[in-house]
Amino acid sequence: MKKIKLKKNDPVVVISGKKADKGKVGKVLRLVPNANRLVVEKVHIIKEFVRPNPQKNIKGGIVEREGAIPIEKVMYYCKECEQGVRIGFKLSDAGKQRVCKKCGVVLD
């Protein structure tokens, strides 16, 4: 299992995959580290067929939601560089910080 450098709410850009999703920028909603996947906002929309459950107040029908995509298909989106960049680490007095490898700005 690889070390995941992304965190929840990080802005990411999709670099490969479906034509409709490639190039989209969104934030990370959820990480699935055991499967090396993550869920990105408004990317890889799937249709799920839900059965009605009156006890949980769930209405049945077709629901659209975000599906998980592999971590290898996204890069961190740096607002300074305005593109996908790699993440590096820098040690300082404040501790270990994530930095953009292209412009050197601190991400955390």
PDB file of N, CA and C in Angstrom:
ATOM      1  N   MET A   1       0.836  -1.182   0.000  1.00  0.00           N
ATOM      2  CA  MET A   1       0.000   0.000   0.000  1.00  0.00           C
ATOM      3  C   MET A   1       0.883   1.248   0.000  1.00  0.00           C
ATOM      4  N   LYS A   2       0.579   2.195  -0.915  1.00  0.00           N
ATOM      5  CA  LYS A   2       1.355   3.421  -1.025  1.00  0.00           C
ATOM      6  C   LYS A   2       0.958   4.433   0.036  1.00  0.00           C
ATOM      7  N   LYS A   3       1.875   5.369   0.334  1.00  0.00           N
ATOM      8  CA  LYS A   3       1.555   6.477   1.230  1.00  0.00           C
ATOM      9  C   LYS A   3       0.724   7.482   0.453  1.00  0.00           C
ATOM     10  N   ILE A   4      -0.414   7.880   1.010  1.00  0.00           N
ATOM     11  CA  ILE A   4      -1.308   8.828   0.362  1.00  0.00           C
ATOM     12  C   ILE A   4      -0.969  10.233   0.841  1.00  0.00           C
ATOM     13  N   LYS A   5      -0.619  11.110  -0.104  1.00  0.00           N
ATOM     14  CA  LYS A   5      -0.250  12.473   0.249  1.00  0.00           C
ATOM     15  C   LYS A   5      -1.435  13.428   0.205  1.00  0.00           C
ATOM     16  N   LEU A   6      -2.575  12.966  -0.290  1.00  0.00           N
ATOM     17  CA  LEU A   6      -3.769  13.799  -0.353  1.00  0.00           C
ATOM     18  C   LEU A   6      -4.584  13.662   0.920  1.00  0.00           C
ATOM     19  N   LYS A   7      -5.354  14.716   1.226  1.00  0.00           N
ATOM     20  CA  LYS A   7      -6.220  14.710   2.393  1.00  0.00           C
ATOM     21  C   LYS A   7      -7.627  15.103   1.981  1.00  0.00           C
ATOM     22  N   LYS A   8      -8.564  14.938   2.884  1.00  0.00           N
ATOM     23  CA  LYS A   8      -9.946  15.336   2.640  1.00  0.00           C
ATOM     24  C   LYS A   8     -10.001  16.846   2.420  1.00  0.00           C
ATOM     25  N   ASN A   9     -10.843  17.302   1.507  1.00  0.00           N
ATOM     26  CA  ASN A   9     -11.053  18.710   1.125  1.00  0.00           C
ATOM     27  C   ASN A   9      -9.907  19.306   0.314  1.00  0.00           C
ATOM     28  N   ASP A  10      -8.934  18.510  -0.116  1.00  0.00           N
ATOM     29  CA  ASP A  10      -7.872  19.007  -0.996  1.00  0.00           C
ATOM     30  C   ASP A  10      -8.433  19.207  -2.403  1.00  0.00           C
ATOM     31  N   PRO A  11      -8.050  20.296  -3.093  1.00  0.00           N
ATOM     32  CA  PRO A  11      -8.459  20.443  -4.495  1.00  0.00           C
ATOM     33  C   PRO A  11      -7.598  19.544  -5.378  1.00  0.00           C
ATOM     34  N   VAL A  12      -8.239  18.790  -6.261  1.00  0.00           N
ATOM     35  CA  VAL A  12      -7.511  17.890  -7.156  1.00  0.00           C
ATOM     36  C   VAL A  12      -8.024  18.071  -8.579  1.00  0.00           C
ATOM     37  N   VAL A  13      -7.189  17.715  -9.553  1.00  0.00           N
ATOM     38  CA  VAL A  13      -7.567  17.731 -10.957  1.00  0.00           C
ATOM     39  C   VAL A  13      -7.431  16.309 -11.484  1.00  0.00           C
ATOM     40  N   VAL A  14      -8.416  15.879 -12.289  1.00  0.00           N
ATOM     41  CA  VAL A  14      -8.402  14.531 -12.870  1.00  0.00           C
ATOM     42  C   VAL A  14      -7.506  14.570 -14.099  1.00  0.00           C
ATOM     43  N   ILE A  15      -6.478  13.707 -14.141  1.00  0.00           N
ATOM     44  CA  ILE A  15      -5.516  13.739 -15.250  1.00  0.00           C
ATOM     45  C   ILE A  15      -5.766  12.663 -16.286  1.00  0.00           C
ATOM     46  N   SER A  16      -6.535  11.617 -15.943  1.00  0.00           N
ATOM     47  CA  SER A  16      -6.847  10.580 -16.922  1.00  0.00           C
ATOM     48  C   SER A  16      -8.149   9.910 -16.526  1.00  0.00           C
ATOM     49  N   GLY A  17      -8.719   9.191 -17.489  1.00  0.00           N
ATOM     50  CA  GLY A  17      -9.973   8.505 -17.220  1.00  0.00           C
ATOM     51  C   GLY A  17     -10.985   8.797 -18.300  1.00  0.00           C
ATOM     52  N   LYS A  18     -12.264   8.832 -17.922  1.00  0.00           N
ATOM     53  CA  LYS A  18     -13.328   9.088 -18.883  1.00  0.00           C
ATOM     54  C   LYS A  18     -13.162  10.484 -19.492  1.00  0.00           C
ATOM     55  N   LYS A  19     -13.515  10.613 -20.778  1.00  0.00           N
ATOM     56  CA  LYS A  19     -13.392  11.901 -21.456  1.00  0.00           C
ATOM     57  C   LYS A  19     -14.176  12.991 -20.753  1.00  0.00           C
ATOM     58  N   ALA A  20     -15.336  12.646 -20.230  1.00  0.00           N
ATOM     59  CA  ALA A  20     -16.179  13.633 -19.568  1.00  0.00           C
ATOM     60  C   ALA A  20     -15.558  14.131 -18.264  1.00  0.00           C
ATOM     61  N   ASP A  21     -14.749  13.304 -17.608  1.00  0.00           N
ATOM     62  CA  ASP A  21     -14.168  13.668 -16.312  1.00  0.00           C
ATOM     63  C   ASP A  21     -12.762  14.232 -16.414  1.00  0.00           C
ATOM     64  N   LYS A  22     -12.046  13.963 -17.491  1.00  0.00           N
ATOM     65  CA  LYS A  22     -10.654  14.395 -17.616  1.00  0.00           C
ATOM     66  C   LYS A  22     -10.570  15.922 -17.614  1.00  0.00           C
ATOM     67  N   GLY A  23      -9.710  16.465 -16.753  1.00  0.00           N
ATOM     68  CA  GLY A  23      -9.532  17.905 -16.654  1.00  0.00           C
ATOM     69  C   GLY A  23     -10.417  18.582 -15.624  1.00  0.00           C
ATOM     70  N   LYS A  24     -11.348  17.858 -15.022  1.00  0.00           N
ATOM     71  CA  LYS A  24     -12.232  18.449 -14.020  1.00  0.00           C
ATOM     72  C   LYS A  24     -11.474  18.697 -12.720  1.00  0.00           C
ATOM     73  N   VAL A  25     -11.834  19.787 -12.051  1.00  0.00           N
ATOM     74  CA  VAL A  25     -11.239  20.128 -10.766  1.00  0.00           C
ATOM     75  C   VAL A  25     -12.331  20.023  -9.709  1.00  0.00           C
ATOM     76  N   GLY A  26     -12.025  19.337  -8.618  1.00  0.00           N
ATOM     77  CA  GLY A  26     -12.978  19.186  -7.518  1.00  0.00           C
ATOM     78  C   GLY A  26     -12.236  18.908  -6.235  1.00  0.00           C
ATOM     79  N   LYS A  27     -12.978  18.878  -5.130  1.00  0.00           N
ATOM     80  CA  LYS A  27     -12.312  18.600  -3.856  1.00  0.00           C
ATOM     81  C   LYS A  27     -12.551  17.157  -3.449  1.00  0.00           C
ATOM     82  N   VAL A  28     -11.624  16.630  -2.670  1.00  0.00           N
ATOM     83  CA  VAL A  28     -11.702  15.248  -2.206  1.00  0.00           C
ATOM     84  C   VAL A  28     -12.774  15.157  -1.126  1.00  0.00           C
ATOM     85  N   LEU A  29     -13.761  14.302  -1.349  1.00  0.00           N
ATOM     86  CA  LEU A  29     -14.827  14.119  -0.365  1.00  0.00           C
ATOM     87  C   LEU A  29     -14.504  13.010   0.623  1.00  0.00           C
ATOM     88  N   ARG A  30     -13.870  11.933   0.127  1.00  0.00           N
ATOM     89  CA  ARG A  30     -13.612  10.771   0.973  1.00  0.00           C
ATOM     90  C   ARG A  30     -12.428   9.996   0.416  1.00  0.00           C
ATOM     91  N   LEU A  31     -11.606   9.444   1.283  1.00  0.00           N
ATOM     92  CA  LEU A  31     -10.490   8.586   0.897  1.00  0.00           C
ATOM     93  C   LEU A  31     -10.812   7.143   1.253  1.00  0.00           C
ATOM     94  N   VAL A  32     -10.420   6.220   0.352  1.00  0.00           N
ATOM     95  CA  VAL A  32     -10.562   4.788   0.607  1.00  0.00           C
ATOM     96  C   VAL A  32      -9.152   4.199   0.513  1.00  0.00           C
ATOM     97  N   PRO A  33      -8.343   4.313   1.590  1.00  0.00           N
ATOM     98  CA  PRO A  33      -6.928   3.944   1.500  1.00  0.00           C
ATOM     99  C   PRO A  33      -6.666   2.461   1.249  1.00  0.00           C
ATOM    100  N   ASN A  34      -7.537   1.568   1.720  1.00  0.00           N
ATOM    101  CA  ASN A  34      -7.309   0.140   1.516  1.00  0.00           C
ATOM    102  C   ASN A  34      -7.396  -0.242   0.047  1.00  0.00           C
ATOM    103  N   ALA A  35      -8.209   0.481  -0.718  1.00  0.00           N
ATOM    104  CA  ALA A  35      -8.392   0.182  -2.131  1.00  0.00           C
ATOM    105  C   ALA A  35      -7.623   1.155  -3.027  1.00  0.00           C
ATOM    106  N   ASN A  36      -6.836   2.087  -2.441  1.00  0.00           N
ATOM    107  CA  ASN A  36      -6.112   3.128  -3.183  1.00  0.00           C
ATOM    108  C   ASN A  36      -7.052   3.928  -4.088  1.00  0.00           C
ATOM    109  N   ARG A  37      -8.189   4.337  -3.532  1.00  0.00           N
ATOM    110  CA  ARG A  37      -9.183   5.092  -4.291  1.00  0.00           C
ATOM    111  C   ARG A  37      -9.653   6.287  -3.473  1.00  0.00           C
ATOM    112  N   LEU A  38     -10.287   7.231  -4.150  1.00  0.00           N
ATOM    113  CA  LEU A  38     -10.872   8.376  -3.479  1.00  0.00           C
ATOM    114  C   LEU A  38     -12.115   8.840  -4.215  1.00  0.00           C
ATOM    115  N   VAL A  39     -12.940   9.615  -3.528  1.00  0.00           N
ATOM    116  CA  VAL A  39     -14.163  10.152  -4.106  1.00  0.00           C
ATOM    117  C   VAL A  39     -13.964  11.649  -4.273  1.00  0.00           C
ATOM    118  N   VAL A  40     -14.166  12.137  -5.511  1.00  0.00           N
ATOM    119  CA  VAL A  40     -13.979  13.547  -5.830  1.00  0.00           C
ATOM    120  C   VAL A  40     -15.331  14.158  -6.162  1.00  0.00           C
ATOM    121  N   GLU A  41     -15.535  15.390  -5.711  1.00  0.00           N
ATOM    122  CA  GLU A  41     -16.785  16.105  -5.924  1.00  0.00           C
ATOM    123  C   GLU A  41     -17.063  16.301  -7.415  1.00  0.00           C
ATOM    124  N   LYS A  42     -18.264  15.926  -7.857  1.00  0.00           N
ATOM    125  CA  LYS A  42     -18.754  16.096  -9.231  1.00  0.00           C
ATOM    126  C   LYS A  42     -17.922  15.368 -10.290  1.00  0.00           C
ATOM    127  N   VAL A  43     -17.262  14.271  -9.904  1.00  0.00           N
ATOM    128  CA  VAL A  43     -16.468  13.459 -10.836  1.00  0.00           C
ATOM    129  C   VAL A  43     -16.925  12.012 -10.712  1.00  0.00           C
ATOM    130  N   HIS A  44     -16.999  11.299 -11.840  1.00  0.00           N
ATOM    131  CA  HIS A  44     -17.403   9.896 -11.910  1.00  0.00           C
ATOM    132  C   HIS A  44     -18.790   9.696 -11.286  1.00  0.00           C
ATOM    133  N   ILE A  45     -19.765  10.400 -11.842  1.00  0.00           N
ATOM    134  CA  ILE A  45     -21.145  10.299 -11.371  1.00  0.00           C
ATOM    135  C   ILE A  45     -21.718   8.952 -11.824  1.00  0.00           C
ATOM    136  N   ILE A  46     -22.237   8.190 -10.854  1.00  0.00           N
ATOM    137  CA  ILE A  46     -22.839   6.894 -11.157  1.00  0.00           C
ATOM    138  C   ILE A  46     -24.295   6.912 -10.716  1.00  0.00           C
ATOM    139  N   LYS A  47     -25.100   6.053 -11.349  1.00  0.00           N
ATOM    140  CA  LYS A  47     -26.509   5.939 -10.980  1.00  0.00           C
ATOM    141  C   LYS A  47     -26.682   4.707 -10.106  1.00  0.00           C
ATOM    142  N   GLU A  48     -27.326   4.893  -8.981  1.00  0.00           N
ATOM    143  CA  GLU A  48     -27.540   3.810  -8.036  1.00  0.00           C
ATOM    144  C   GLU A  48     -29.038   3.589  -7.891  1.00  0.00           C
ATOM    145  N   PHE A  49     -29.468   2.344  -7.942  1.00  0.00           N
ATOM    146  CA  PHE A  49     -30.877   2.007  -7.815  1.00  0.00           C
ATOM    147  C   PHE A  49     -31.157   1.689  -6.346  1.00  0.00           C
ATOM    148  N   VAL A  50     -31.986   2.504  -5.715  1.00  0.00           N
ATOM    149  CA  VAL A  50     -32.238   2.405  -4.280  1.00  0.00           C
ATOM    150  C   VAL A  50     -33.650   1.895  -4.049  1.00  0.00           C
ATOM    151  N   ARG A  51     -33.773   0.914  -3.163  1.00  0.00           N
ATOM    152  CA  ARG A  51     -35.089   0.395  -2.800  1.00  0.00           C
ATOM    153  C   ARG A  51     -35.672   1.269  -1.691  1.00  0.00           C
ATOM    154  N   PRO A  52     -36.972   1.453  -1.690  1.00  0.00           N
ATOM    155  CA  PRO A  52     -37.581   2.259  -0.632  1.00  0.00           C
ATOM    156  C   PRO A  52     -37.506   1.562   0.721  1.00  0.00           C
ATOM    157  N   ASN A  53     -37.262   2.347   1.764  1.00  0.00           N
ATOM    158  CA  ASN A  53     -37.208   1.830   3.130  1.00  0.00           C
ATOM    159  C   ASN A  53     -37.927   2.824   4.037  1.00  0.00           C
ATOM    160  N   PRO A  54     -39.202   2.565   4.357  1.00  0.00           N
ATOM    161  CA  PRO A  54     -39.965   3.522   5.167  1.00  0.00           C
ATOM    162  C   PRO A  54     -39.419   3.691   6.584  1.00  0.00           C
ATOM    163  N   GLN A  55     -38.755   2.663   7.134  1.00  0.00           N
ATOM    164  CA  GLN A  55     -38.220   2.767   8.498  1.00  0.00           C
ATOM    165  C   GLN A  55     -37.109   3.810   8.580  1.00  0.00           C
ATOM    166  N   LYS A  56     -36.271   3.895   7.535  1.00  0.00           N
ATOM    167  CA  LYS A  56     -35.175   4.870   7.512  1.00  0.00           C
ATOM    168  C   LYS A  56     -35.554   6.129   6.730  1.00  0.00           C
ATOM    169  N   ASN A  57     -36.824   6.230   6.337  1.00  0.00           N
ATOM    170  CA  ASN A  57     -37.340   7.381   5.602  1.00  0.00           C
ATOM    171  C   ASN A  57     -36.591   7.590   4.277  1.00  0.00           C
ATOM    172  N   ILE A  58     -36.326   6.474   3.562  1.00  0.00           N
ATOM    173  CA  ILE A  58     -35.636   6.521   2.274  1.00  0.00           C
ATOM    174  C   ILE A  58     -36.661   6.290   1.175  1.00  0.00           C
ATOM    175  N   LYS A  59     -36.680   7.232   0.246  1.00  0.00           N
ATOM    176  CA  LYS A  59     -37.569   7.095  -0.898  1.00  0.00           C
ATOM    177  C   LYS A  59     -36.833   6.313  -1.972  1.00  0.00           C
ATOM    178  N   GLY A  60     -37.486   5.391  -2.609  1.00  0.00           N
ATOM    179  CA  GLY A  60     -36.838   4.571  -3.626  1.00  0.00           C
ATOM    180  C   GLY A  60     -36.692   5.314  -4.942  1.00  0.00           C
ATOM    181  N   GLY A  61     -35.874   4.754  -5.835  1.00  0.00           N
ATOM    182  CA  GLY A  61     -35.703   5.329  -7.164  1.00  0.00           C
ATOM    183  C   GLY A  61     -34.250   5.301  -7.598  1.00  0.00           C
ATOM    184  N   ILE A  62     -33.939   6.090  -8.606  1.00  0.00           N
ATOM    185  CA  ILE A  62     -32.581   6.171  -9.143  1.00  0.00           C
ATOM    186  C   ILE A  62     -31.906   7.403  -8.544  1.00  0.00           C
ATOM    187  N   VAL A  63     -30.766   7.185  -7.901  1.00  0.00           N
ATOM    188  CA  VAL A  63     -30.019   8.256  -7.248  1.00  0.00           C
ATOM    189  C   VAL A  63     -28.664   8.398  -7.926  1.00  0.00           C
ATOM    190  N   GLU A  64     -28.268   9.634  -8.213  1.00  0.00           N
ATOM    191  CA  GLU A  64     -26.932   9.884  -8.769  1.00  0.00           C
ATOM    192  C   GLU A  64     -26.004  10.282  -7.639  1.00  0.00           C
ATOM    193  N   ARG A  65     -24.804   9.686  -7.645  1.00  0.00           N
ATOM    194  CA  ARG A  65     -23.798  10.025  -6.625  1.00  0.00           C
ATOM    195  C   ARG A  65     -22.414   9.846  -7.226  1.00  0.00           C
ATOM    196  N   GLU A  66     -21.402  10.351  -6.509  1.00  0.00           N
ATOM    197  CA  GLU A  66     -20.025  10.232  -6.967  1.00  0.00           C
ATOM    198  C   GLU A  66     -19.490   8.840  -6.654  1.00  0.00           C
ATOM    199  N   GLY A  67     -18.780   8.265  -7.601  1.00  0.00           N
ATOM    200  CA  GLY A  67     -18.137   6.979  -7.394  1.00  0.00           C
ATOM    201  C   GLY A  67     -16.659   7.169  -7.099  1.00  0.00           C
ATOM    202  N   ALA A  68     -16.020   6.139  -6.578  1.00  0.00           N
ATOM    203  CA  ALA A  68     -14.597   6.193  -6.243  1.00  0.00           C
ATOM    204  C   ALA A  68     -13.762   6.010  -7.507  1.00  0.00           C
ATOM    205  N   ILE A  69     -12.643   6.756  -7.582  1.00  0.00           N
ATOM    206  CA  ILE A  69     -11.703   6.620  -8.692  1.00  0.00           C
ATOM    207  C   ILE A  69     -10.316   6.351  -8.126  1.00  0.00           C
ATOM    208  N   PRO A  70      -9.428   5.727  -8.906  1.00  0.00           N
ATOM    209  CA  PRO A  70      -8.082   5.442  -8.402  1.00  0.00           C
ATOM    210  C   PRO A  70      -7.290   6.724  -8.100  1.00  0.00           C
ATOM    211  N   ILE A  71      -6.469   6.672  -7.063  1.00  0.00           N
ATOM    212  CA  ILE A  71      -5.666   7.824  -6.656  1.00  0.00           C
ATOM    213  C   ILE A  71      -4.679   8.218  -7.753  1.00  0.00           C
ATOM    214  N   GLU A  72      -4.225   7.253  -8.547  1.00  0.00           N
ATOM    215  CA  GLU A  72      -3.241   7.524  -9.590  1.00  0.00           C
ATOM    216  C   GLU A  72      -3.797   8.428 -10.695  1.00  0.00           C
ATOM    217  N   LYS A  73      -5.121   8.565 -10.777  1.00  0.00           N
ATOM    218  CA  LYS A  73      -5.740   9.354 -11.842  1.00  0.00           C
ATOM    219  C   LYS A  73      -5.944  10.818 -11.472  1.00  0.00           C
ATOM    220  N   VAL A  74      -5.518  11.241 -10.276  1.00  0.00           N
ATOM    221  CA  VAL A  74      -5.676  12.636  -9.865  1.00  0.00           C
ATOM    222  C   VAL A  74      -4.344  13.211  -9.396  1.00  0.00           C
ATOM    223  N   MET A  75      -4.244  14.545  -9.483  1.00  0.00           N
ATOM    224  CA  MET A  75      -3.095  15.278  -8.957  1.00  0.00           C
ATOM    225  C   MET A  75      -3.622  16.440  -8.121  1.00  0.00           C
ATOM    226  N   TYR A  76      -2.821  16.869  -7.159  1.00  0.00           N
ATOM    227  CA  TYR A  76      -3.187  18.032  -6.354  1.00  0.00           C
ATOM    228  C   TYR A  76      -3.250  19.248  -7.268  1.00  0.00           C
ATOM    229  N   TYR A  77      -4.272  20.108  -7.099  1.00  0.00           N
ATOM    230  CA  TYR A  77      -4.425  21.316  -7.915  1.00  0.00           C
ATOM    231  C   TYR A  77      -3.921  22.506  -7.113  1.00  0.00           C
ATOM    232  N   CYS A  78      -2.796  23.070  -7.532  1.00  0.00           N
ATOM    233  CA  CYS A  78      -2.201  24.225  -6.863  1.00  0.00           C
ATOM    234  C   CYS A  78      -2.846  25.491  -7.422  1.00  0.00           C
ATOM    235  N   LYS A  79      -3.369  26.339  -6.537  1.00  0.00           N
ATOM    236  CA  LYS A  79      -4.023  27.569  -6.973  1.00  0.00           C
ATOM    237  C   LYS A  79      -3.012  28.596  -7.484  1.00  0.00           C
ATOM    238  N   GLU A  80      -1.775  28.532  -7.001  1.00  0.00           N
ATOM    239  CA  GLU A  80      -0.727  29.452  -7.469  1.00  0.00           C
ATOM    240  C   GLU A  80      -0.284  29.091  -8.887  1.00  0.00           C
ATOM    241  N   CYS A  81      -0.048  27.813  -9.127  1.00  0.00           N
ATOM    242  CA  CYS A  81       0.419  27.344 -10.446  1.00  0.00           C
ATOM    243  C   CYS A  81      -0.741  27.183 -11.433  1.00  0.00           C
ATOM    244  N   GLU A  82      -1.971  27.046 -10.922  1.00  0.00           N
ATOM    245  CA  GLU A  82      -3.179  26.819 -11.713  1.00  0.00           C
ATOM    246  C   GLU A  82      -3.088  25.562 -12.573  1.00  0.00           C
ATOM    247  N   GLN A  83      -2.521  24.504 -11.998  1.00  0.00           N
ATOM    248  CA  GLN A  83      -2.440  23.213 -12.687  1.00  0.00           C
ATOM    249  C   GLN A  83      -2.167  22.115 -11.667  1.00  0.00           C
ATOM    250  N   GLY A  84      -2.187  20.867 -12.122  1.00  0.00           N
ATOM    251  CA  GLY A  84      -1.891  19.745 -11.251  1.00  0.00           C
ATOM    252  C   GLY A  84      -0.406  19.680 -10.947  1.00  0.00           C
ATOM    253  N   VAL A  85      -0.065  19.466  -9.683  1.00  0.00           N
ATOM    254  CA  VAL A  85       1.341  19.429  -9.265  1.00  0.00           C
ATOM    255  C   VAL A  85       1.574  18.247  -8.328  1.00  0.00           C
ATOM    256  N   ARG A  86       2.850  17.917  -8.154  1.00  0.00           N
ATOM    257  CA  ARG A  86       3.224  16.891  -7.191  1.00  0.00           C
ATOM    258  C   ARG A  86       3.398  17.535  -5.825  1.00  0.00           C
ATOM    259  N   ILE A  87       3.253  16.730  -4.780  1.00  0.00           N
ATOM    260  CA  ILE A  87       3.365  17.215  -3.405  1.00  0.00           C
ATOM    261  C   ILE A  87       4.667  16.725  -2.806  1.00  0.00           C
ATOM    262  N   GLY A  88       5.403  17.628  -2.159  1.00  0.00           N
ATOM    263  CA  GLY A  88       6.617  17.277  -1.441  1.00  0.00           C
ATOM    264  C   GLY A  88       6.454  17.637   0.025  1.00  0.00           C
ATOM    265  N   PHE A  89       7.434  17.288   0.817  1.00  0.00           N
ATOM    266  CA  PHE A  89       7.392  17.588   2.240  1.00  0.00           C
ATOM    267  C   PHE A  89       8.614  18.406   2.631  1.00  0.00           C
ATOM    268  N   LYS A  90       8.425  19.317   3.591  1.00  0.00           N
ATOM    269  CA  LYS A  90       9.500  20.164   4.080  1.00  0.00           C
ATOM    270  C   LYS A  90       9.435  20.186   5.599  1.00  0.00           C
ATOM    271  N   LEU A  91      10.579  20.013   6.236  1.00  0.00           N
ATOM    272  CA  LEU A  91      10.634  20.072   7.692  1.00  0.00           C
ATOM    273  C   LEU A  91      10.942  21.501   8.119  1.00  0.00           C
ATOM    274  N   SER A  92      10.193  21.984   9.111  1.00  0.00           N
ATOM    275  CA  SER A  92      10.420  23.332   9.642  1.00  0.00           C
ATOM    276  C   SER A  92      10.151  23.306  11.138  1.00  0.00           C
ATOM    277  N   ASP A  93      10.178  24.481  11.756  1.00  0.00           N
ATOM    278  CA  ASP A  93       9.921  24.561  13.187  1.00  0.00           C
ATOM    279  C   ASP A  93       8.492  24.136  13.526  1.00  0.00           C
ATOM    280  N   ALA A  94       7.567  24.390  12.593  1.00  0.00           N
ATOM    281  CA  ALA A  94       6.166  24.024  12.809  1.00  0.00           C
ATOM    282  C   ALA A  94       5.933  22.524  12.623  1.00  0.00           C
ATOM    283  N   GLY A  95       6.926  21.806  12.107  1.00  0.00           N
ATOM    284  CA  GLY A  95       6.798  20.370  11.883  1.00  0.00           C
ATOM    285  C   GLY A  95       6.876  20.052  10.403  1.00  0.00           C
ATOM    286  N   LYS A  96       6.368  18.919  10.031  1.00  0.00           N
ATOM    287  CA  LYS A  96       6.382  18.459   8.646  1.00  0.00           C
ATOM    288  C   LYS A  96       5.240  19.134   7.893  1.00  0.00           C
ATOM    289  N   GLN A  97       5.565  19.825   6.793  1.00  0.00           N
ATOM    290  CA  GLN A  97       4.560  20.535   6.019  1.00  0.00           C
ATOM    291  C   GLN A  97       4.559  20.051   4.578  1.00  0.00           C
ATOM    292  N   ARG A  98       3.379  20.043   3.960  1.00  0.00           N
ATOM    293  CA  ARG A  98       3.266  19.699   2.545  1.00  0.00           C
ATOM    294  C   ARG A  98       3.539  20.949   1.712  1.00  0.00           C
ATOM    295  N   VAL A  99       4.314  20.791   0.659  1.00  0.00           N
ATOM    296  CA  VAL A  99       4.633  21.915  -0.232  1.00  0.00           C
ATOM    297  C   VAL A  99       4.422  21.505  -1.679  1.00  0.00           C
ATOM    298  N   CYS A 100       4.161  22.511  -2.520  1.00  0.00           N
ATOM    299  CA  CYS A 100       4.040  22.312  -3.951  1.00  0.00           C
ATOM    300  C   CYS A 100       5.448  22.170  -4.506  1.00  0.00           C
ATOM    301  N   LYS A 101       5.697  21.121  -5.313  1.00  0.00           N
ATOM    302  CA  LYS A 101       7.036  20.893  -5.843  1.00  0.00           C
ATOM    303  C   LYS A 101       7.392  21.868  -6.952  1.00  0.00           C
ATOM    304  N   LYS A 102       6.380  22.530  -7.540  1.00  0.00           N
ATOM    305  CA  LYS A 102       6.630  23.432  -8.671  1.00  0.00           C
ATOM    306  C   LYS A 102       6.949  24.851  -8.191  1.00  0.00           C
ATOM    307  N   CYS A 103       6.089  25.413  -7.313  1.00  0.00           N
ATOM    308  CA  CYS A 103       6.296  26.797  -6.874  1.00  0.00           C
ATOM    309  C   CYS A 103       6.801  26.914  -5.445  1.00  0.00           C
ATOM    310  N   GLY A 104       6.754  25.827  -4.672  1.00  0.00           N
ATOM    311  CA  GLY A 104       7.303  25.831  -3.328  1.00  0.00           C
ATOM    312  C   GLY A 104       6.388  26.409  -2.254  1.00  0.00           C
ATOM    313  N   VAL A 105       5.148  26.733  -2.583  1.00  0.00           N
ATOM    314  CA  VAL A 105       4.229  27.299  -1.608  1.00  0.00           C
ATOM    315  C   VAL A 105       3.745  26.210  -0.644  1.00  0.00           C
ATOM    316  N   VAL A 106       3.556  26.564   0.652  1.00  0.00           N
ATOM    317  CA  VAL A 106       3.110  25.625   1.659  1.00  0.00           C
ATOM    318  C   VAL A 106       1.613  25.378   1.488  1.00  0.00           C
ATOM    319  N   LEU A 107       1.208  24.115   1.439  1.00  0.00           N
ATOM    320  CA  LEU A 107      -0.187  23.754   1.170  1.00  0.00           C
ATOM    321  C   LEU A 107      -1.039  23.694   2.419  1.00  0.00           C
ATOM    322  N   ASP A 108      -0.479  23.386   3.568  1.00  0.00           N
ATOM    323  CA  ASP A 108      -1.256  23.279   4.805  1.00  0.00           C
ATOM    324  C   ASP A 108      -1.282  24.590   5.558  1.00  0.00           C
TER     325      ASP A 108
END
